[in-house]
Amino acid sequence: MRSFASLCCLFILFVPVVRVAHCEPLLYPCDEKHSAEDASRMIKTASGVLAPVYAPLAEQIVAELELAEKEGIGIDIGSGPGTLVIELCKRTRLHWINADINPHFFAYFFESSDDAGLNGRVSAIFVDAQALPFRDDYAEVIVSRGSFQFWDNKRLAFSEIYRVLKPGGVAFIGRGFADDLPVETARKIRAAQRKRNESSVLDYSVPETEAEIRALMEALEIEDYRIHIPKPPGSNGINYGIWVEIRK
């Protein structure tokens, strides 16, 4: 187990430039909003009901964005336990950063990445998506699963993502599942979430979210984007989510 001091060095010293926020983001960790208990609950969910989600999603991201041979920096915003980061790291040559607003995840994340043999290929840093602490044109790829719906100022967050992407870089932001997640697996996950009364996960309109994303892209004058709504055969009645792919 790494010491807290060593963890701080890993996720603070890695970042070359820290920007001053231009809105009202959270600049420092806040236990009142993002506690150790919150992290513990999400870790349990990620390793439990959501465990089947991450590997197929990583496979799809790597294939569709052509990341297998790419080198440089990848960032996962709102990665939490870092399960998607670990799956992406296994499939690429990129150095991946777990960028999350709750640093209570990070000890678990580093332990998990060490267990996966990825020591030295991952970092972590406290961030608010509205004020990413990275220089302009920094990352080859930025991903985020299940986080953007919680961003207070989505326009500012997407602006930050676009700023941090290198020219030629790509972002893949959204919520839900990969196209090829087996329908029965998706059905079981949604049933488990409904049993746990996770209304924020289930009760949202995909068409309204699509309209919101298109409005954000127009407002930010981002023209090179593609919205993807997975609808595998036999998935009627199951919400597979929505994703936006942005290229710079």
C-alpha atoms as a PDB file:
ATOM      1  CA  MET A   1       0.000   0.000   0.000  1.00  0.00           C
ATOM      2  CA  ARG A   2       1.423   3.385  -0.952  1.00  0.00           C
ATOM      3  CA  SER A   3       1.627   6.123   1.649  1.00  0.00           C
ATOM      4  CA  PHE A   4      -0.653   9.142   1.389  1.00  0.00           C
ATOM      5  CA  ALA A   5       2.371  11.339   0.753  1.00  0.00           C
ATOM      6  CA  SER A   6       3.524   9.218  -2.166  1.00  0.00           C
ATOM      7  CA  LEU A   7       0.034   9.274  -3.635  1.00  0.00           C
ATOM      8  CA  CYS A   8      -0.013  13.065  -3.397  1.00  0.00           C
ATOM      9  CA  CYS A   9       3.249  13.228  -5.317  1.00  0.00           C
ATOM     10  CA  LEU A  10       1.900  10.953  -8.011  1.00  0.00           C
ATOM     11  CA  PHE A  11      -1.245  12.887  -8.738  1.00  0.00           C
ATOM     12  CA  ILE A  12      -0.025  16.401  -8.045  1.00  0.00           C
ATOM     13  CA  LEU A  13       3.469  16.480  -9.536  1.00  0.00           C
ATOM     14  CA  PHE A  14       2.370  14.809 -12.757  1.00  0.00           C
ATOM     15  CA  VAL A  15       0.419  17.847 -13.948  1.00  0.00           C
ATOM     16  CA  PRO A  16       2.607  20.466 -15.614  1.00  0.00           C
ATOM     17  CA  VAL A  17       0.318  23.496 -15.458  1.00  0.00           C
ATOM     18  CA  VAL A  18      -2.493  24.528 -13.100  1.00  0.00           C
ATOM     19  CA  ARG A  19      -5.018  27.020 -14.453  1.00  0.00           C
ATOM     20  CA  VAL A  20      -7.039  29.497 -12.447  1.00  0.00           C
ATOM     21  CA  ALA A  21     -10.742  28.775 -12.796  1.00  0.00           C
ATOM     22  CA  HIS A  22     -12.972  31.196 -14.647  1.00  0.00           C
ATOM     23  CA  CYS A  23     -16.289  30.131 -13.110  1.00  0.00           C
ATOM     24  CA  GLU A  24     -17.090  28.690  -9.703  1.00  0.00           C
ATOM     25  CA  PRO A  25     -15.592  25.190  -9.768  1.00  0.00           C
ATOM     26  CA  LEU A  26     -14.479  23.276  -6.733  1.00  0.00           C
ATOM     27  CA  LEU A  27     -10.774  24.022  -6.438  1.00  0.00           C
ATOM     28  CA  TYR A  28     -10.053  21.847  -3.400  1.00  0.00           C
ATOM     29  CA  PRO A  29     -11.429  18.514  -2.148  1.00  0.00           C
ATOM     30  CA  CYS A  30     -14.577  18.897  -0.043  1.00  0.00           C
ATOM     31  CA  ASP A  31     -15.621  16.022   2.204  1.00  0.00           C
ATOM     32  CA  GLU A  32     -19.041  17.577   2.685  1.00  0.00           C
ATOM     33  CA  LYS A  33     -19.790  17.097  -1.001  1.00  0.00           C
ATOM     34  CA  HIS A  34     -17.576  14.128  -1.884  1.00  0.00           C
ATOM     35  CA  SER A  35     -16.868  11.914   1.102  1.00  0.00           C
ATOM     36  CA  ALA A  36     -15.031   8.685   1.772  1.00  0.00           C
ATOM     37  CA  GLU A  37     -18.428   7.050   2.220  1.00  0.00           C
ATOM     38  CA  ASP A  38     -19.466   8.201  -1.260  1.00  0.00           C
ATOM     39  CA  ALA A  39     -16.292   6.679  -2.697  1.00  0.00           C
ATOM     40  CA  SER A  40     -16.832   3.427  -0.823  1.00  0.00           C
ATOM     41  CA  ARG A  41     -20.370   3.076  -2.208  1.00  0.00           C
ATOM     42  CA  MET A  42     -19.216   3.666  -5.771  1.00  0.00           C
ATOM     43  CA  ILE A  43     -16.317   1.242  -5.411  1.00  0.00           C
ATOM     44  CA  LYS A  44     -18.807  -1.406  -4.304  1.00  0.00           C
ATOM     45  CA  THR A  45     -21.067  -0.626  -7.266  1.00  0.00           C
ATOM     46  CA  ALA A  46     -18.222  -0.628  -9.798  1.00  0.00           C
ATOM     47  CA  SER A  47     -16.932  -3.971  -8.572  1.00  0.00           C
ATOM     48  CA  GLY A  48     -20.443  -5.379  -8.263  1.00  0.00           C
ATOM     49  CA  VAL A  49     -23.455  -4.590 -10.427  1.00  0.00           C
ATOM     50  CA  LEU A  50     -21.457  -2.500 -12.952  1.00  0.00           C
ATOM     51  CA  ALA A  51     -18.487  -4.852 -13.202  1.00  0.00           C
ATOM     52  CA  PRO A  52     -19.533  -6.282 -16.624  1.00  0.00           C
ATOM     53  CA  VAL A  53     -19.757  -2.801 -18.145  1.00  0.00           C
ATOM     54  CA  TYR A  54     -16.152  -1.633 -18.304  1.00  0.00           C
ATOM     55  CA  ALA A  55     -14.253  -4.180 -20.419  1.00  0.00           C
ATOM     56  CA  PRO A  56     -16.696  -4.110 -23.385  1.00  0.00           C
ATOM     57  CA  LEU A  57     -16.805  -0.331 -23.229  1.00  0.00           C
ATOM     58  CA  ALA A  58     -13.012  -0.113 -23.226  1.00  0.00           C
ATOM     59  CA  GLU A  59     -12.868  -2.470 -26.208  1.00  0.00           C
ATOM     60  CA  GLN A  60     -15.318  -0.283 -28.121  1.00  0.00           C
ATOM     61  CA  ILE A  61     -13.519   2.960 -27.256  1.00  0.00           C
ATOM     62  CA  VAL A  62     -10.123   1.576 -28.275  1.00  0.00           C
ATOM     63  CA  ALA A  63     -11.470   0.140 -31.539  1.00  0.00           C
ATOM     64  CA  GLU A  64     -13.622   3.074 -32.635  1.00  0.00           C
ATOM     65  CA  LEU A  65     -11.117   5.764 -31.656  1.00  0.00           C
ATOM     66  CA  GLU A  66      -8.151   3.732 -32.969  1.00  0.00           C
ATOM     67  CA  LEU A  67      -6.191   3.957 -29.729  1.00  0.00           C
ATOM     68  CA  ALA A  68      -4.381   0.601 -29.663  1.00  0.00           C
ATOM     69  CA  GLU A  69      -1.081   1.946 -31.011  1.00  0.00           C
ATOM     70  CA  LYS A  70      -1.439   5.560 -29.918  1.00  0.00           C
ATOM     71  CA  GLU A  71       0.998   6.979 -27.364  1.00  0.00           C
ATOM     72  CA  GLY A  72       0.718  10.003 -25.101  1.00  0.00           C
ATOM     73  CA  ILE A  73      -1.903  10.997 -22.532  1.00  0.00           C
ATOM     74  CA  GLY A  74      -5.429   9.763 -21.935  1.00  0.00           C
ATOM     75  CA  ILE A  75      -7.711  11.311 -19.306  1.00  0.00           C
ATOM     76  CA  ASP A  76     -10.852   9.819 -17.767  1.00  0.00           C
ATOM     77  CA  ILE A  77     -12.954  12.543 -16.117  1.00  0.00           C
ATOM     78  CA  GLY A  78     -15.012  11.274 -13.207  1.00  0.00           C
ATOM     79  CA  SER A  79     -13.387   7.858 -13.299  1.00  0.00           C
ATOM     80  CA  GLY A  80     -13.964   7.241  -9.584  1.00  0.00           C
ATOM     81  CA  PRO A  81     -12.530   3.804  -8.768  1.00  0.00           C
ATOM     82  CA  GLY A  82     -10.698   3.933 -12.096  1.00  0.00           C
ATOM     83  CA  THR A  83     -12.090   0.677 -13.446  1.00  0.00           C
ATOM     84  CA  LEU A  84     -12.458   2.065 -16.963  1.00  0.00           C
ATOM     85  CA  VAL A  85      -8.957   3.587 -16.786  1.00  0.00           C
ATOM     86  CA  ILE A  86      -7.498   0.186 -15.939  1.00  0.00           C
ATOM     87  CA  GLU A  87      -9.344  -1.527 -18.794  1.00  0.00           C
ATOM     88  CA  LEU A  88      -8.225   1.180 -21.241  1.00  0.00           C
ATOM     89  CA  CYS A  89      -4.645   1.009 -19.996  1.00  0.00           C
ATOM     90  CA  LYS A  90      -4.564  -2.747 -20.610  1.00  0.00           C
ATOM     91  CA  ARG A  91      -5.498  -2.148 -24.249  1.00  0.00           C
ATOM     92  CA  THR A  92      -3.386   0.894 -25.152  1.00  0.00           C
ATOM     93  CA  ARG A  93       0.106   2.374 -24.820  1.00  0.00           C
ATOM     94  CA  LEU A  94      -1.227   5.648 -23.407  1.00  0.00           C
ATOM     95  CA  HIS A  95      -0.523   6.943 -19.924  1.00  0.00           C
ATOM     96  CA  TRP A  96      -3.963   7.287 -18.321  1.00  0.00           C
ATOM     97  CA  ILE A  97      -5.031   9.823 -15.696  1.00  0.00           C
ATOM     98  CA  ASN A  98      -7.918   9.224 -13.314  1.00  0.00           C
ATOM     99  CA  ALA A  99      -9.291  12.771 -12.977  1.00  0.00           C
ATOM    100  CA  ASP A 100     -11.963  12.800 -10.284  1.00  0.00           C
ATOM    101  CA  ILE A 101     -13.525  15.274  -7.894  1.00  0.00           C
ATOM    102  CA  ASN A 102     -13.333  12.803  -4.989  1.00  0.00           C
ATOM    103  CA  PRO A 103      -9.716  11.928  -4.035  1.00  0.00           C
ATOM    104  CA  HIS A 104     -10.943   9.266  -1.625  1.00  0.00           C
ATOM    105  CA  PHE A 105     -11.002   6.947  -4.648  1.00  0.00           C
ATOM    106  CA  PHE A 106      -7.298   7.203  -5.331  1.00  0.00           C
ATOM    107  CA  ALA A 107      -5.790   4.777  -2.809  1.00  0.00           C
ATOM    108  CA  TYR A 108      -8.127   2.043  -4.105  1.00  0.00           C
ATOM    109  CA  PHE A 109      -7.350   3.035  -7.695  1.00  0.00           C
ATOM    110  CA  PHE A 110      -3.573   2.784  -7.256  1.00  0.00           C
ATOM    111  CA  GLU A 111      -3.872  -0.538  -5.453  1.00  0.00           C
ATOM    112  CA  SER A 112      -6.067  -1.894  -8.259  1.00  0.00           C
ATOM    113  CA  SER A 113      -3.714  -0.631 -10.960  1.00  0.00           C
ATOM    114  CA  ASP A 114      -0.733  -2.205  -9.170  1.00  0.00           C
ATOM    115  CA  ASP A 115      -2.623  -5.503  -8.966  1.00  0.00           C
ATOM    116  CA  ALA A 116      -3.206  -5.260 -12.724  1.00  0.00           C
ATOM    117  CA  GLY A 117       0.515  -4.727 -13.344  1.00  0.00           C
ATOM    118  CA  LEU A 118       0.073  -1.147 -14.503  1.00  0.00           C
ATOM    119  CA  ASN A 119       2.337   0.568 -11.996  1.00  0.00           C
ATOM    120  CA  GLY A 120       3.891   3.637 -13.620  1.00  0.00           C
ATOM    121  CA  ARG A 121       1.314   3.841 -16.404  1.00  0.00           C
ATOM    122  CA  VAL A 122      -1.432   5.627 -14.483  1.00  0.00           C
ATOM    123  CA  SER A 123      -1.810   8.802 -12.449  1.00  0.00           C
ATOM    124  CA  ALA A 124      -4.640  10.441 -10.533  1.00  0.00           C
ATOM    125  CA  ILE A 125      -5.559  14.027  -9.760  1.00  0.00           C
ATOM    126  CA  PHE A 126      -8.354  15.915  -8.064  1.00  0.00           C
ATOM    127  CA  VAL A 127     -10.309  17.923 -10.648  1.00  0.00           C
ATOM    128  CA  ASP A 128     -13.551  19.727 -11.197  1.00  0.00           C
ATOM    129  CA  ALA A 129     -14.584  19.224 -14.820  1.00  0.00           C
ATOM    130  CA  GLN A 130     -15.327  22.943 -15.062  1.00  0.00           C
ATOM    131  CA  ALA A 131     -11.653  23.863 -14.550  1.00  0.00           C
ATOM    132  CA  LEU A 132      -9.359  21.106 -15.764  1.00  0.00           C
ATOM    133  CA  PRO A 133      -5.812  21.618 -14.379  1.00  0.00           C
ATOM    134  CA  PHE A 134      -4.058  20.806 -17.633  1.00  0.00           C
ATOM    135  CA  ARG A 135      -2.422  23.043 -20.215  1.00  0.00           C
ATOM    136  CA  ASP A 136      -3.981  23.649 -23.622  1.00  0.00           C
ATOM    137  CA  ASP A 137      -3.536  20.901 -26.242  1.00  0.00           C
ATOM    138  CA  TYR A 138      -2.407  18.365 -23.632  1.00  0.00           C
ATOM    139  CA  ALA A 139      -4.195  15.043 -24.152  1.00  0.00           C
ATOM    140  CA  GLU A 140      -4.593  12.693 -27.082  1.00  0.00           C
ATOM    141  CA  VAL A 141      -7.911  11.384 -25.734  1.00  0.00           C
ATOM    142  CA  ILE A 142     -10.413  12.291 -23.024  1.00  0.00           C
ATOM    143  CA  VAL A 143     -13.189   9.960 -21.950  1.00  0.00           C
ATOM    144  CA  SER A 144     -15.912  10.096 -19.331  1.00  0.00           C
ATOM    145  CA  ARG A 145     -18.590   7.587 -18.426  1.00  0.00           C
ATOM    146  CA  GLY A 146     -21.515   8.399 -16.146  1.00  0.00           C
ATOM    147  CA  SER A 147     -20.176  11.751 -14.995  1.00  0.00           C
ATOM    148  CA  PHE A 148     -21.309  14.552 -17.300  1.00  0.00           C
ATOM    149  CA  GLN A 149     -24.884  14.559 -15.990  1.00  0.00           C
ATOM    150  CA  PHE A 150     -23.492  15.783 -12.654  1.00  0.00           C
ATOM    151  CA  TRP A 151     -21.497  18.701 -14.084  1.00  0.00           C
ATOM    152  CA  ASP A 152     -23.036  21.955 -12.852  1.00  0.00           C
ATOM    153  CA  ASN A 153     -21.936  23.902 -15.914  1.00  0.00           C
ATOM    154  CA  LYS A 154     -21.820  21.508 -18.845  1.00  0.00           C
ATOM    155  CA  ARG A 155     -20.987  24.229 -21.343  1.00  0.00           C
ATOM    156  CA  LEU A 156     -17.893  25.188 -19.396  1.00  0.00           C
ATOM    157  CA  ALA A 157     -16.890  21.560 -18.839  1.00  0.00           C
ATOM    158  CA  PHE A 158     -17.140  20.684 -22.531  1.00  0.00           C
ATOM    159  CA  SER A 159     -15.219  23.853 -23.341  1.00  0.00           C
ATOM    160  CA  GLU A 160     -12.476  22.702 -20.982  1.00  0.00           C
ATOM    161  CA  ILE A 161     -12.391  19.255 -22.564  1.00  0.00           C
ATOM    162  CA  TYR A 162     -12.010  20.772 -26.015  1.00  0.00           C
ATOM    163  CA  ARG A 163      -9.285  23.126 -24.790  1.00  0.00           C
ATOM    164  CA  VAL A 164      -7.246  20.291 -23.243  1.00  0.00           C
ATOM    165  CA  LEU A 165      -7.486  18.034 -26.301  1.00  0.00           C
ATOM    166  CA  LYS A 166      -4.558  18.158 -28.679  1.00  0.00           C
ATOM    167  CA  PRO A 167      -5.306  19.039 -32.295  1.00  0.00           C
ATOM    168  CA  GLY A 168      -6.236  15.696 -33.813  1.00  0.00           C
ATOM    169  CA  GLY A 169      -7.364  14.451 -30.406  1.00  0.00           C
ATOM    170  CA  VAL A 170     -10.711  12.880 -29.593  1.00  0.00           C
ATOM    171  CA  ALA A 171     -13.129  12.827 -26.670  1.00  0.00           C
ATOM    172  CA  PHE A 172     -15.763  10.200 -25.899  1.00  0.00           C
ATOM    173  CA  ILE A 173     -18.238  11.435 -23.279  1.00  0.00           C
ATOM    174  CA  GLY A 174     -21.506   9.932 -22.128  1.00  0.00           C
ATOM    175  CA  ARG A 175     -23.324   7.453 -19.981  1.00  0.00           C
ATOM    176  CA  GLY A 176     -24.493   3.892 -20.348  1.00  0.00           C
ATOM    177  CA  PHE A 177     -23.153   0.792 -22.052  1.00  0.00           C
ATOM    178  CA  ALA A 178     -21.122  -0.410 -25.006  1.00  0.00           C
ATOM    179  CA  ASP A 179     -22.973  -1.445 -28.152  1.00  0.00           C
ATOM    180  CA  ASP A 180     -22.152  -5.107 -27.650  1.00  0.00           C
ATOM    181  CA  LEU A 181     -22.923  -5.476 -23.953  1.00  0.00           C
ATOM    182  CA  PRO A 182     -25.182  -8.559 -23.943  1.00  0.00           C
ATOM    183  CA  VAL A 183     -28.828  -7.563 -23.684  1.00  0.00           C
ATOM    184  CA  GLU A 184     -29.486  -9.926 -20.792  1.00  0.00           C
ATOM    185  CA  THR A 185     -26.537  -8.412 -18.894  1.00  0.00           C
ATOM    186  CA  ALA A 186     -27.871  -4.896 -19.529  1.00  0.00           C
ATOM    187  CA  ARG A 187     -31.317  -5.982 -18.408  1.00  0.00           C
ATOM    188  CA  LYS A 188     -29.947  -7.378 -15.135  1.00  0.00           C
ATOM    189  CA  ILE A 189     -27.949  -4.213 -14.458  1.00  0.00           C
ATOM    190  CA  ARG A 190     -30.951  -1.962 -15.013  1.00  0.00           C
ATOM    191  CA  ALA A 191     -33.120  -4.202 -12.846  1.00  0.00           C
ATOM    192  CA  ALA A 192     -30.571  -4.056 -10.038  1.00  0.00           C
ATOM    193  CA  GLN A 193     -30.374  -0.273 -10.323  1.00  0.00           C
ATOM    194  CA  ARG A 194     -34.141   0.023 -10.233  1.00  0.00           C
ATOM    195  CA  LYS A 195     -34.285  -2.217  -7.168  1.00  0.00           C
ATOM    196  CA  ARG A 196     -31.807   0.147  -5.488  1.00  0.00           C
ATOM    197  CA  ASN A 197     -33.994   3.103  -6.508  1.00  0.00           C
ATOM    198  CA  GLU A 198     -31.213   4.786  -8.487  1.00  0.00           C
ATOM    199  CA  SER A 199     -33.554   7.216 -10.220  1.00  0.00           C
ATOM    200  CA  SER A 200     -30.765   9.559 -11.376  1.00  0.00           C
ATOM    201  CA  VAL A 201     -29.282   6.686 -13.393  1.00  0.00           C
ATOM    202  CA  LEU A 202     -32.535   5.436 -14.900  1.00  0.00           C
ATOM    203  CA  ASP A 203     -35.010   8.270 -15.212  1.00  0.00           C
ATOM    204  CA  TYR A 204     -33.636  10.487 -17.937  1.00  0.00           C
ATOM    205  CA  SER A 205     -34.686  11.088 -21.509  1.00  0.00           C
ATOM    206  CA  VAL A 206     -32.181  10.093 -24.176  1.00  0.00           C
ATOM    207  CA  PRO A 207     -33.804  12.384 -26.802  1.00  0.00           C
ATOM    208  CA  GLU A 208     -33.680  15.332 -24.376  1.00  0.00           C
ATOM    209  CA  THR A 209     -30.045  14.552 -23.566  1.00  0.00           C
ATOM    210  CA  GLU A 210     -29.245  14.405 -27.286  1.00  0.00           C
ATOM    211  CA  ALA A 211     -30.870  17.800 -27.798  1.00  0.00           C
ATOM    212  CA  GLU A 212     -28.895  19.205 -24.857  1.00  0.00           C
ATOM    213  CA  ILE A 213     -25.602  17.912 -26.262  1.00  0.00           C
ATOM    214  CA  ARG A 214     -26.328  19.296 -29.726  1.00  0.00           C
ATOM    215  CA  ALA A 215     -27.141  22.687 -28.208  1.00  0.00           C
ATOM    216  CA  LEU A 216     -23.869  22.623 -26.264  1.00  0.00           C
ATOM    217  CA  MET A 217     -21.866  21.771 -29.368  1.00  0.00           C
ATOM    218  CA  GLU A 218     -23.537  24.589 -31.291  1.00  0.00           C
ATOM    219  CA  ALA A 219     -22.931  27.080 -28.481  1.00  0.00           C
ATOM    220  CA  LEU A 220     -19.247  26.101 -28.353  1.00  0.00           C
ATOM    221  CA  GLU A 221     -18.970  26.117 -32.160  1.00  0.00           C
ATOM    222  CA  ILE A 222     -17.743  22.532 -32.160  1.00  0.00           C
ATOM    223  CA  GLU A 223     -18.609  21.126 -35.565  1.00  0.00           C
ATOM    224  CA  ASP A 224     -16.748  17.809 -35.638  1.00  0.00           C
ATOM    225  CA  TYR A 225     -18.816  15.635 -33.357  1.00  0.00           C
ATOM    226  CA  ARG A 226     -20.981  12.537 -33.567  1.00  0.00           C
ATOM    227  CA  ILE A 227     -23.744  11.418 -31.204  1.00  0.00           C
ATOM    228  CA  HIS A 228     -24.117   7.702 -30.693  1.00  0.00           C
ATOM    229  CA  ILE A 229     -27.123   6.006 -29.077  1.00  0.00           C
ATOM    230  CA  PRO A 230     -26.562   2.240 -28.690  1.00  0.00           C
ATOM    231  CA  LYS A 231     -29.565   0.152 -29.710  1.00  0.00           C
ATOM    232  CA  PRO A 232     -28.514  -3.480 -30.064  1.00  0.00           C
ATOM    233  CA  PRO A 233     -31.067  -6.011 -31.340  1.00  0.00           C
ATOM    234  CA  GLY A 234     -33.481  -7.129 -28.651  1.00  0.00           C
ATOM    235  CA  SER A 235     -32.778  -4.157 -26.384  1.00  0.00           C
ATOM    236  CA  ASN A 236     -36.199  -2.518 -26.635  1.00  0.00           C
ATOM    237  CA  GLY A 237     -37.145  -1.105 -23.266  1.00  0.00           C
ATOM    238  CA  ILE A 238     -33.548  -1.073 -21.991  1.00  0.00           C
ATOM    239  CA  ASN A 239     -31.739   2.229 -21.765  1.00  0.00           C
ATOM    240  CA  TYR A 240     -28.255   1.700 -23.248  1.00  0.00           C
ATOM    241  CA  GLY A 241     -27.357   5.362 -22.796  1.00  0.00           C
ATOM    242  CA  ILE A 242     -25.920   8.036 -25.063  1.00  0.00           C
ATOM    243  CA  TRP A 243     -22.416   9.123 -26.098  1.00  0.00           C
ATOM    244  CA  VAL A 244     -20.833  12.009 -27.951  1.00  0.00           C
ATOM    245  CA  GLU A 245     -17.566  11.680 -29.851  1.00  0.00           C
ATOM    246  CA  ILE A 246     -15.757  14.994 -30.313  1.00  0.00           C
ATOM    247  CA  ARG A 247     -12.746  15.527 -32.568  1.00  0.00           C
ATOM    248  CA  LYS A 248     -10.430  18.526 -32.527  1.00  0.00           C
END
